Amino acid sequence: MPLTDSKIRATKPSPTPFKLTASHGLYLLVSPGGSRLWYLKYHFDRKEYSARWIREPYRRIRSDICIKLRYLRPVNGLPG
């Protein structure tokens, strides 16, 4: 099931941080304090990294990042 704006807004913080996964390594980290940060998990040189993208607003971030990934993957030799 895709990650939607309504699902993100309905999510309540818990005592431990947790992830809401979107797609292609993109996830939203919800902290105990209630802050929400977008991260992108990627691999480089056989190591896993994660890059913090941006805080809110939620609605367009996922679609904007997926569009950018669509163009970056062929350029960097990554599978589409």
PDB file of N, CA and C in Angstrom:
ATOM      1  N   MET A   1       0.846  -1.173   0.000  1.00  0.00           N
ATOM      2  CA  MET A   1       0.000   0.000   0.000  1.00  0.00           C
ATOM      3  C   MET A   1       0.898   1.244   0.000  1.00  0.00           C
ATOM      4  N   PRO A   2       0.641   2.212  -0.876  1.00  0.00           N
ATOM      5  CA  PRO A   2       1.489   3.396  -0.943  1.00  0.00           C
ATOM      6  C   PRO A   2       1.306   4.296   0.279  1.00  0.00           C
ATOM      7  N   LEU A   3       2.335   5.043   0.556  1.00  0.00           N
ATOM      8  CA  LEU A   3       2.306   5.987   1.665  1.00  0.00           C
ATOM      9  C   LEU A   3       1.584   7.248   1.196  1.00  0.00           C
ATOM     10  N   THR A   4       0.492   7.584   1.853  1.00  0.00           N
ATOM     11  CA  THR A   4      -0.319   8.724   1.436  1.00  0.00           C
ATOM     12  C   THR A   4      -0.243   9.842   2.463  1.00  0.00           C
ATOM     13  N   ASP A   5      -0.684  11.016   2.049  1.00  0.00           N
ATOM     14  CA  ASP A   5      -0.692  12.175   2.929  1.00  0.00           C
ATOM     15  C   ASP A   5      -1.566  11.924   4.154  1.00  0.00           C
ATOM     16  N   SER A   6      -2.723  11.320   3.961  1.00  0.00           N
ATOM     17  CA  SER A   6      -3.625  11.068   5.089  1.00  0.00           C
ATOM     18  C   SER A   6      -3.030  10.063   6.072  1.00  0.00           C
ATOM     19  N   LYS A   7      -2.308   9.071   5.568  1.00  0.00           N
ATOM     20  CA  LYS A   7      -1.670   8.098   6.451  1.00  0.00           C
ATOM     21  C   LYS A   7      -0.569   8.765   7.279  1.00  0.00           C
ATOM     22  N   ILE A   8       0.181   9.669   6.660  1.00  0.00           N
ATOM     23  CA  ILE A   8       1.242  10.372   7.379  1.00  0.00           C
ATOM     24  C   ILE A   8       0.652  11.271   8.453  1.00  0.00           C
ATOM     25  N   ARG A   9      -0.386  12.002   8.118  1.00  0.00           N
ATOM     26  CA  ARG A   9      -1.010  12.907   9.091  1.00  0.00           C
ATOM     27  C   ARG A   9      -1.660  12.149  10.248  1.00  0.00           C
ATOM     28  N   ALA A  10      -2.155  10.943   9.993  1.00  0.00           N
ATOM     29  CA  ALA A  10      -2.819  10.155  11.031  1.00  0.00           C
ATOM     30  C   ALA A  10      -1.834   9.444  11.957  1.00  0.00           C
ATOM     31  N   THR A  11      -0.564   9.390  11.583  1.00  0.00           N
ATOM     32  CA  THR A  11       0.437   8.688  12.376  1.00  0.00           C
ATOM     33  C   THR A  11       0.766   9.467  13.638  1.00  0.00           C
ATOM     34  N   LYS A  12       0.724   8.790  14.768  1.00  0.00           N
ATOM     35  CA  LYS A  12       1.048   9.391  16.062  1.00  0.00           C
ATOM     36  C   LYS A  12       2.427   8.932  16.503  1.00  0.00           C
ATOM     37  N   PRO A  13       3.180   9.792  17.208  1.00  0.00           N
ATOM     38  CA  PRO A  13       4.504   9.390  17.700  1.00  0.00           C
ATOM     39  C   PRO A  13       4.396   8.259  18.718  1.00  0.00           C
ATOM     40  N   SER A  14       5.451   7.457  18.798  1.00  0.00           N
ATOM     41  CA  SER A  14       5.523   6.383  19.786  1.00  0.00           C
ATOM     42  C   SER A  14       6.769   6.612  20.639  1.00  0.00           C
ATOM     43  N   PRO A  15       6.963   5.844  21.714  1.00  0.00           N
ATOM     44  CA  PRO A  15       8.143   6.034  22.569  1.00  0.00           C
ATOM     45  C   PRO A  15       9.470   5.800  21.847  1.00  0.00           C
ATOM     46  N   THR A  16       9.457   5.024  20.771  1.00  0.00           N
ATOM     47  CA  THR A  16      10.686   4.790  20.007  1.00  0.00           C
ATOM     48  C   THR A  16      10.490   5.300  18.578  1.00  0.00           C
ATOM     49  N   PRO A  17      11.565   5.754  17.924  1.00  0.00           N
ATOM     50  CA  PRO A  17      11.432   6.196  16.534  1.00  0.00           C
ATOM     51  C   PRO A  17      11.040   5.033  15.621  1.00  0.00           C
ATOM     52  N   PHE A  18      10.266   5.317  14.580  1.00  0.00           N
ATOM     53  CA  PHE A  18       9.889   4.274  13.632  1.00  0.00           C
ATOM     54  C   PHE A  18       9.830   4.853  12.229  1.00  0.00           C
ATOM     55  N   LYS A  19       9.860   3.955  11.232  1.00  0.00           N
ATOM     56  CA  LYS A  19       9.894   4.345   9.825  1.00  0.00           C
ATOM     57  C   LYS A  19       8.572   4.021   9.142  1.00  0.00           C
ATOM     58  N   LEU A  20       8.172   4.910   8.257  1.00  0.00           N
ATOM     59  CA  LEU A  20       7.075   4.651   7.331  1.00  0.00           C
ATOM     60  C   LEU A  20       7.711   4.585   5.949  1.00  0.00           C
ATOM     61  N   THR A  21       7.722   3.418   5.343  1.00  0.00           N
ATOM     62  CA  THR A  21       8.417   3.262   4.066  1.00  0.00           C
ATOM     63  C   THR A  21       7.516   3.667   2.905  1.00  0.00           C
ATOM     64  N   ALA A  22       8.128   4.293   1.909  1.00  0.00           N
ATOM     65  CA  ALA A  22       7.406   4.715   0.708  1.00  0.00           C
ATOM     66  C   ALA A  22       7.797   3.789  -0.438  1.00  0.00           C
ATOM     67  N   SER A  23       8.903   4.057  -1.109  1.00  0.00           N
ATOM     68  CA  SER A  23       9.378   3.203  -2.195  1.00  0.00           C
ATOM     69  C   SER A  23      10.785   3.611  -2.584  1.00  0.00           C
ATOM     70  N   HIS A  24      11.497   2.704  -3.247  1.00  0.00           N
ATOM     71  CA  HIS A  24      12.848   2.963  -3.751  1.00  0.00           C
ATOM     72  C   HIS A  24      13.797   3.455  -2.657  1.00  0.00           C
ATOM     73  N   GLY A  25      13.656   2.952  -1.438  1.00  0.00           N
ATOM     74  CA  GLY A  25      14.540   3.344  -0.353  1.00  0.00           C
ATOM     75  C   GLY A  25      14.124   4.622   0.353  1.00  0.00           C
ATOM     76  N   LEU A  26      13.018   5.210  -0.031  1.00  0.00           N
ATOM     77  CA  LEU A  26      12.535   6.442   0.581  1.00  0.00           C
ATOM     78  C   LEU A  26      11.672   6.092   1.786  1.00  0.00           C
ATOM     79  N   TYR A  27      11.951   6.737   2.928  1.00  0.00           N
ATOM     80  CA  TYR A  27      11.132   6.499   4.111  1.00  0.00           C
ATOM     81  C   TYR A  27      11.024   7.757   4.953  1.00  0.00           C
ATOM     82  N   LEU A  28      10.009   7.787   5.787  1.00  0.00           N
ATOM     83  CA  LEU A  28       9.754   8.895   6.690  1.00  0.00           C
ATOM     84  C   LEU A  28      10.039   8.407   8.096  1.00  0.00           C
ATOM     85  N   LEU A  29      10.941   9.078   8.796  1.00  0.00           N
ATOM     86  CA  LEU A  29      11.281   8.707  10.164  1.00  0.00           C
ATOM     87  C   LEU A  29      10.472   9.578  11.113  1.00  0.00           C
ATOM     88  N   VAL A  30       9.673   8.947  11.965  1.00  0.00           N
ATOM     89  CA  VAL A  30       8.850   9.653  12.942  1.00  0.00           C
ATOM     90  C   VAL A  30       9.511   9.489  14.301  1.00  0.00           C
ATOM     91  N   SER A  31       9.892  10.607  14.910  1.00  0.00           N
ATOM     92  CA  SER A  31      10.601  10.561  16.191  1.00  0.00           C
ATOM     93  C   SER A  31       9.606  10.597  17.350  1.00  0.00           C
ATOM     94  N   PRO A  32      10.048  10.251  18.572  1.00  0.00           N
ATOM     95  CA  PRO A  32       9.153  10.284  19.726  1.00  0.00           C
ATOM     96  C   PRO A  32       8.582  11.678  19.999  1.00  0.00           C
ATOM     97  N   GLY A  33       9.320  12.717  19.631  1.00  0.00           N
ATOM     98  CA  GLY A  33       8.838  14.081  19.829  1.00  0.00           C
ATOM     99  C   GLY A  33       7.807  14.521  18.809  1.00  0.00           C
ATOM    100  N   GLY A  34       7.606  13.717  17.766  1.00  0.00           N
ATOM    101  CA  GLY A  34       6.609  14.023  16.755  1.00  0.00           C
ATOM    102  C   GLY A  34       7.163  14.613  15.471  1.00  0.00           C
ATOM    103  N   SER A  35       8.479  14.887  15.415  1.00  0.00           N
ATOM    104  CA  SER A  35       9.031  15.431  14.171  1.00  0.00           C
ATOM    105  C   SER A  35       9.105  14.334  13.116  1.00  0.00           C
ATOM    106  N   ARG A  36       8.987  14.735  11.861  1.00  0.00           N
ATOM    107  CA  ARG A  36       8.999  13.790  10.740  1.00  0.00           C
ATOM    108  C   ARG A  36      10.056  14.239   9.747  1.00  0.00           C
ATOM    109  N   LEU A  37      10.971  13.331   9.421  1.00  0.00           N
ATOM    110  CA  LEU A  37      12.055  13.631   8.488  1.00  0.00           C
ATOM    111  C   LEU A  37      12.078  12.601   7.373  1.00  0.00           C
ATOM    112  N   TRP A  38      12.249  13.065   6.135  1.00  0.00           N
ATOM    113  CA  TRP A  38      12.371  12.173   4.987  1.00  0.00           C
ATOM    114  C   TRP A  38      13.818  11.748   4.833  1.00  0.00           C
ATOM    115  N   TYR A  39      14.035  10.462   4.593  1.00  0.00           N
ATOM    116  CA  TYR A  39      15.366   9.906   4.353  1.00  0.00           C
ATOM    117  C   TYR A  39      15.335   9.073   3.077  1.00  0.00           C
ATOM    118  N   LEU A  40      16.480   8.992   2.439  1.00  0.00           N
ATOM    119  CA  LEU A  40      16.632   8.132   1.273  1.00  0.00           C
ATOM    120  C   LEU A  40      17.780   7.175   1.546  1.00  0.00           C
ATOM    121  N   LYS A  41      17.489   5.880   1.534  1.00  0.00           N
ATOM    122  CA  LYS A  41      18.506   4.852   1.745  1.00  0.00           C
ATOM    123  C   LYS A  41      19.082   4.473   0.392  1.00  0.00           C
ATOM    124  N   TYR A  42      20.426   4.453   0.305  1.00  0.00           N
ATOM    125  CA  TYR A  42      21.066   4.097  -0.953  1.00  0.00           C
ATOM    126  C   TYR A  42      22.350   3.327  -0.678  1.00  0.00           C
ATOM    127  N   HIS A  43      22.870   2.685  -1.698  1.00  0.00           N
ATOM    128  CA  HIS A  43      24.106   1.908  -1.593  1.00  0.00           C
ATOM    129  C   HIS A  43      25.161   2.520  -2.497  1.00  0.00           C
ATOM    130  N   PHE A  44      26.375   2.611  -1.969  1.00  0.00           N
ATOM    131  CA  PHE A  44      27.503   3.095  -2.747  1.00  0.00           C
ATOM    132  C   PHE A  44      28.733   2.331  -2.299  1.00  0.00           C
ATOM    133  N   ASP A  45      29.431   1.761  -3.250  1.00  0.00           N
ATOM    134  CA  ASP A  45      30.655   1.022  -2.960  1.00  0.00           C
ATOM    135  C   ASP A  45      30.401  -0.090  -1.932  1.00  0.00           C
ATOM    136  N   ARG A  46      29.277  -0.800  -2.127  1.00  0.00           N
ATOM    137  CA  ARG A  46      28.862  -1.928  -1.289  1.00  0.00           C
ATOM    138  C   ARG A  46      28.578  -1.549   0.164  1.00  0.00           C
ATOM    139  N   LYS A  47      28.325  -0.297   0.431  1.00  0.00           N
ATOM    140  CA  LYS A  47      27.963   0.151   1.773  1.00  0.00           C
ATOM    141  C   LYS A  47      26.610   0.842   1.702  1.00  0.00           C
ATOM    142  N   GLU A  48      25.856   0.717   2.782  1.00  0.00           N
ATOM    143  CA  GLU A  48      24.541   1.330   2.830  1.00  0.00           C
ATOM    144  C   GLU A  48      24.626   2.680   3.537  1.00  0.00           C
ATOM    145  N   TYR A  49      24.007   3.672   2.941  1.00  0.00           N
ATOM    146  CA  TYR A  49      23.965   5.012   3.503  1.00  0.00           C
ATOM    147  C   TYR A  49      22.527   5.495   3.516  1.00  0.00           C
ATOM    148  N   SER A  50      22.279   6.555   4.271  1.00  0.00           N
ATOM    149  CA  SER A  50      20.976   7.203   4.205  1.00  0.00           C
ATOM    150  C   SER A  50      21.196   8.708   4.224  1.00  0.00           C
ATOM    151  N   ALA A  51      20.475   9.394   3.374  1.00  0.00           N
ATOM    152  CA  ALA A  51      20.583  10.841   3.257  1.00  0.00           C
ATOM    153  C   ALA A  51      19.289  11.476   3.731  1.00  0.00           C
ATOM    154  N   ARG A  52      19.427  12.478   4.587  1.00  0.00           N
ATOM    155  CA  ARG A  52      18.243  13.200   5.047  1.00  0.00           C
ATOM    156  C   ARG A  52      17.870  14.211   3.981  1.00  0.00           C
ATOM    157  N   TRP A  53      16.609  14.233   3.598  1.00  0.00           N
ATOM    158  CA  TRP A  53      16.174  15.120   2.530  1.00  0.00           C
ATOM    159  C   TRP A  53      15.586  16.402   3.061  1.00  0.00           C
ATOM    160  N   ILE A  54      14.481  16.324   3.758  1.00  0.00           N
ATOM    161  CA  ILE A  54      13.777  17.540   4.136  1.00  0.00           C
ATOM    162  C   ILE A  54      12.737  17.206   5.201  1.00  0.00           C
ATOM    163  N   ARG A  55      12.319  18.208   5.916  1.00  0.00           N
ATOM    164  CA  ARG A  55      11.216  18.017   6.852  1.00  0.00           C
ATOM    165  C   ARG A  55       9.910  18.107   6.089  1.00  0.00           C
ATOM    166  N   GLU A  56       8.888  18.617   6.686  1.00  0.00           N
ATOM    167  CA  GLU A  56       7.590  18.720   6.052  1.00  0.00           C
ATOM    168  C   GLU A  56       7.620  19.793   4.972  1.00  0.00           C
ATOM    169  N   PRO A  57       6.698  19.992   4.127  1.00  0.00           N
ATOM    170  CA  PRO A  57       5.385  19.368   4.001  1.00  0.00           C
ATOM    171  C   PRO A  57       5.477  17.982   3.385  1.00  0.00           C
ATOM    172  N   TYR A  58       4.504  17.167   3.668  1.00  0.00           N
ATOM    173  CA  TYR A  58       4.566  15.765   3.268  1.00  0.00           C
ATOM    174  C   TYR A  58       4.102  15.528   1.838  1.00  0.00           C
ATOM    175  N   ARG A  59       3.116  16.247   1.422  1.00  0.00           N
ATOM    176  CA  ARG A  59       2.343  15.878   0.235  1.00  0.00           C
ATOM    177  C   ARG A  59       3.187  15.709  -1.027  1.00  0.00           C
ATOM    178  N   ARG A  60       4.021  16.684  -1.364  1.00  0.00           N
ATOM    179  CA  ARG A  60       4.714  16.620  -2.645  1.00  0.00           C
ATOM    180  C   ARG A  60       6.110  16.044  -2.542  1.00  0.00           C
ATOM    181  N   ILE A  61       6.642  15.874  -1.351  1.00  0.00           N
ATOM    182  CA  ILE A  61       8.022  15.426  -1.196  1.00  0.00           C
ATOM    183  C   ILE A  61       8.235  14.074  -1.861  1.00  0.00           C
ATOM    184  N   ARG A  62       7.382  13.107  -1.570  1.00  0.00           N
ATOM    185  CA  ARG A  62       7.566  11.757  -2.102  1.00  0.00           C
ATOM    186  C   ARG A  62       7.543  11.763  -3.621  1.00  0.00           C
ATOM    187  N   SER A  63       6.577  12.450  -4.208  1.00  0.00           N
ATOM    188  CA  SER A  63       6.490  12.453  -5.669  1.00  0.00           C
ATOM    189  C   SER A  63       7.662  13.201  -6.290  1.00  0.00           C
ATOM    190  N   ASP A  64       8.105  14.295  -5.675  1.00  0.00           N
ATOM    191  CA  ASP A  64       9.255  15.039  -6.199  1.00  0.00           C
ATOM    192  C   ASP A  64      10.518  14.195  -6.173  1.00  0.00           C
ATOM    193  N   ILE A  65      10.751  13.481  -5.082  1.00  0.00           N
ATOM    194  CA  ILE A  65      11.955  12.660  -4.962  1.00  0.00           C
ATOM    195  C   ILE A  65      11.896  11.492  -5.939  1.00  0.00           C
ATOM    196  N   CYS A  66      10.735  10.873  -6.106  1.00  0.00           N
ATOM    197  CA  CYS A  66      10.616   9.759  -7.053  1.00  0.00           C
ATOM    198  C   CYS A  66      10.871  10.224  -8.481  1.00  0.00           C
ATOM    199  N   ILE A  67      10.419  11.423  -8.817  1.00  0.00           N
ATOM    200  CA  ILE A  67      10.684  11.962 -10.156  1.00  0.00           C
ATOM    201  C   ILE A  67      12.174  12.188 -10.344  1.00  0.00           C
ATOM    202  N   LYS A  68      12.853  12.741  -9.341  1.00  0.00           N
ATOM    203  CA  LYS A  68      14.294  12.964  -9.432  1.00  0.00           C
ATOM    204  C   LYS A  68      15.043  11.643  -9.557  1.00  0.00           C
ATOM    205  N   LEU A  69      14.614  10.636  -8.798  1.00  0.00           N
ATOM    206  CA  LEU A  69      15.266   9.329  -8.870  1.00  0.00           C
ATOM    207  C   LEU A  69      15.112   8.714 -10.258  1.00  0.00           C
ATOM    208  N   ARG A  70      13.972   8.911 -10.870  1.00  0.00           N
ATOM    209  CA  ARG A  70      13.725   8.353 -12.194  1.00  0.00           C
ATOM    210  C   ARG A  70      14.746   8.879 -13.205  1.00  0.00           C
ATOM    211  N   TYR A  71      15.141  10.135 -13.058  1.00  0.00           N
ATOM    212  CA  TYR A  71      16.116  10.717 -13.980  1.00  0.00           C
ATOM    213  C   TYR A  71      17.552  10.438 -13.565  1.00  0.00           C
ATOM    214  N   LEU A  72      17.810  10.287 -12.268  1.00  0.00           N
ATOM    215  CA  LEU A  72      19.176  10.066 -11.799  1.00  0.00           C
ATOM    216  C   LEU A  72      19.646   8.637 -12.013  1.00  0.00           C
ATOM    217  N   ARG A  73      18.765   7.670 -11.924  1.00  0.00           N
ATOM    218  CA  ARG A  73      19.173   6.268 -12.026  1.00  0.00           C
ATOM    219  C   ARG A  73      19.860   5.938 -13.347  1.00  0.00           C
ATOM    220  N   PRO A  74      19.294   6.291 -14.510  1.00  0.00           N
ATOM    221  CA  PRO A  74      19.994   5.955 -15.757  1.00  0.00           C
ATOM    222  C   PRO A  74      21.326   6.691 -15.901  1.00  0.00           C
ATOM    223  N   VAL A  75      21.414   7.909 -15.393  1.00  0.00           N
ATOM    224  CA  VAL A  75      22.646   8.687 -15.506  1.00  0.00           C
ATOM    225  C   VAL A  75      23.765   8.046 -14.697  1.00  0.00           C
ATOM    226  N   ASN A  76      23.443   7.555 -13.520  1.00  0.00           N
ATOM    227  CA  ASN A  76      24.440   6.966 -12.635  1.00  0.00           C
ATOM    228  C   ASN A  76      24.615   5.469 -12.842  1.00  0.00           C
ATOM    229  N   GLY A  77      23.977   4.895 -13.846  1.00  0.00           N
ATOM    230  CA  GLY A  77      24.127   3.481 -14.140  1.00  0.00           C
ATOM    231  C   GLY A  77      23.352   2.573 -13.214  1.00  0.00           C
ATOM    232  N   LEU A  78      22.372   3.104 -12.507  1.00  0.00           N
ATOM    233  CA  LEU A  78      21.560   2.296 -11.605  1.00  0.00           C
ATOM    234  C   LEU A  78      20.389   1.706 -12.373  1.00  0.00           C
ATOM    235  N   PRO A  79      19.905   0.553 -11.946  1.00  0.00           N
ATOM    236  CA  PRO A  79      18.745  -0.025 -12.631  1.00  0.00           C
ATOM    237  C   PRO A  79      17.517   0.845 -12.421  1.00  0.00           C
ATOM    238  N   GLY A  80      16.689   0.941 -13.437  1.00  0.00           N
ATOM    239  CA  GLY A  80      15.490   1.783 -13.380  1.00  0.00           C
ATOM    240  C   GLY A  80      14.429   1.127 -12.600  1.00  0.00           C
TER     241      GLY A  80
END
